[in-house]
Amino acid sequence: MQFKGLDTKNWQKLKKITKSKRCHICYYRLSKTGIFLYNKEKEDTTHIKCFNCLTVYNTSFGITDLGIPREVGHSWD
């Protein structure tokens, strides 16, 4: 999907986050695993989603939806 209006403040903030930050859950670089989420009602990008662990971040790099960690724990028989 192609976005319209790439010069908005939200787009600039999210682009800066993807270039310099890592995911809190899986610690992968968001420049490689980040997907921009577009809000059709606001007609702007509002969040970034890490497609490795499905964690969603807002423009201030706060977690809005917690993803799935790779290893939750070990079970012993």
Protein backbone atom coordinates (compact mmCIF):
# COMPACT_ATOMS: atom_id res chain seq x y z
CA MET A 1 0.00 0.00 0.00
CA GLN A 2 1.30 3.44 -0.83
CA PHE A 3 0.87 6.25 1.67
CA LYS A 4 -0.21 9.77 0.86
CA GLY A 5 1.19 12.73 2.76
CA LEU A 6 4.60 11.40 3.79
CA ASP A 7 5.64 14.77 5.20
CA THR A 8 3.40 14.69 8.28
CA LYS A 9 4.86 14.95 11.78
CA ASN A 10 3.77 11.42 12.66
CA TRP A 11 5.46 9.98 9.58
CA GLN A 12 8.72 11.81 10.38
CA LYS A 13 8.66 10.62 14.02
CA LEU A 14 7.94 7.00 13.07
CA LYS A 15 10.58 7.03 10.34
CA LYS A 16 13.17 8.31 12.84
CA ILE A 17 12.16 5.56 15.30
CA THR A 18 12.56 2.81 12.70
CA LYS A 19 16.04 4.01 11.76
CA SER A 20 17.43 4.16 15.29
CA LYS A 21 15.46 1.85 17.63
CA ARG A 22 15.11 -1.84 18.39
CA CYS A 23 11.99 -3.73 19.48
CA HIS A 24 11.63 -4.04 23.26
CA ILE A 25 10.34 -7.62 23.09
CA CYS A 26 12.42 -9.42 20.44
CA TYR A 27 15.28 -6.85 20.17
CA TYR A 28 15.29 -6.90 16.36
CA ARG A 29 16.00 -3.66 14.52
CA LEU A 30 12.79 -1.91 13.53
CA SER A 31 14.47 -0.79 10.32
CA LYS A 32 14.24 -4.43 9.20
CA THR A 33 11.08 -5.62 10.96
CA GLY A 34 8.97 -2.46 11.27
CA ILE A 35 5.71 -1.99 9.36
CA PHE A 36 3.97 1.39 9.28
CA LEU A 37 0.29 1.25 10.21
CA TYR A 38 -1.98 3.69 8.37
CA ASN A 39 -5.12 5.06 10.01
CA LYS A 40 -7.71 5.59 7.29
CA GLU A 41 -9.87 7.90 9.42
CA LYS A 42 -6.99 10.24 10.30
CA GLU A 43 -5.35 9.73 6.90
CA ASP A 44 -1.96 9.44 8.58
CA THR A 45 0.46 6.83 9.83
CA THR A 46 -0.06 6.38 13.55
CA HIS A 47 1.86 3.28 14.64
CA ILE A 48 4.72 0.92 13.85
CA LYS A 49 4.35 -2.84 14.13
CA CYS A 50 7.24 -5.27 14.53
CA PHE A 51 6.31 -8.19 12.30
CA ASN A 52 8.66 -10.53 14.15
CA CYS A 53 6.85 -10.43 17.51
CA LEU A 54 3.72 -8.37 16.60
CA THR A 55 4.37 -5.55 19.11
CA VAL A 56 2.79 -2.20 18.16
CA TYR A 57 4.46 1.13 19.01
CA ASN A 58 3.06 4.67 18.88
CA THR A 59 4.84 7.86 17.80
CA SER A 60 6.47 8.33 21.23
CA PHE A 61 7.84 4.73 21.10
CA GLY A 62 5.42 3.51 23.75
CA ILE A 63 3.96 0.03 23.48
CA THR A 64 0.26 0.15 22.60
CA ASP A 65 -0.23 -3.57 21.92
CA LEU A 66 2.08 -6.20 23.39
CA GLY A 67 3.41 -8.81 21.00
CA ILE A 68 4.24 -12.45 21.35
CA PRO A 69 7.63 -13.23 22.91
CA ARG A 70 9.57 -16.05 21.29
CA GLU A 71 10.34 -17.98 24.48
CA VAL A 72 7.89 -17.75 27.32
CA GLY A 73 9.50 -20.39 29.50
CA HIS A 74 10.63 -23.98 29.71
CA SER A 75 8.60 -26.88 30.98
CA TRP A 76 10.18 -29.86 32.65
CA ASP A 77 8.71 -33.33 32.66
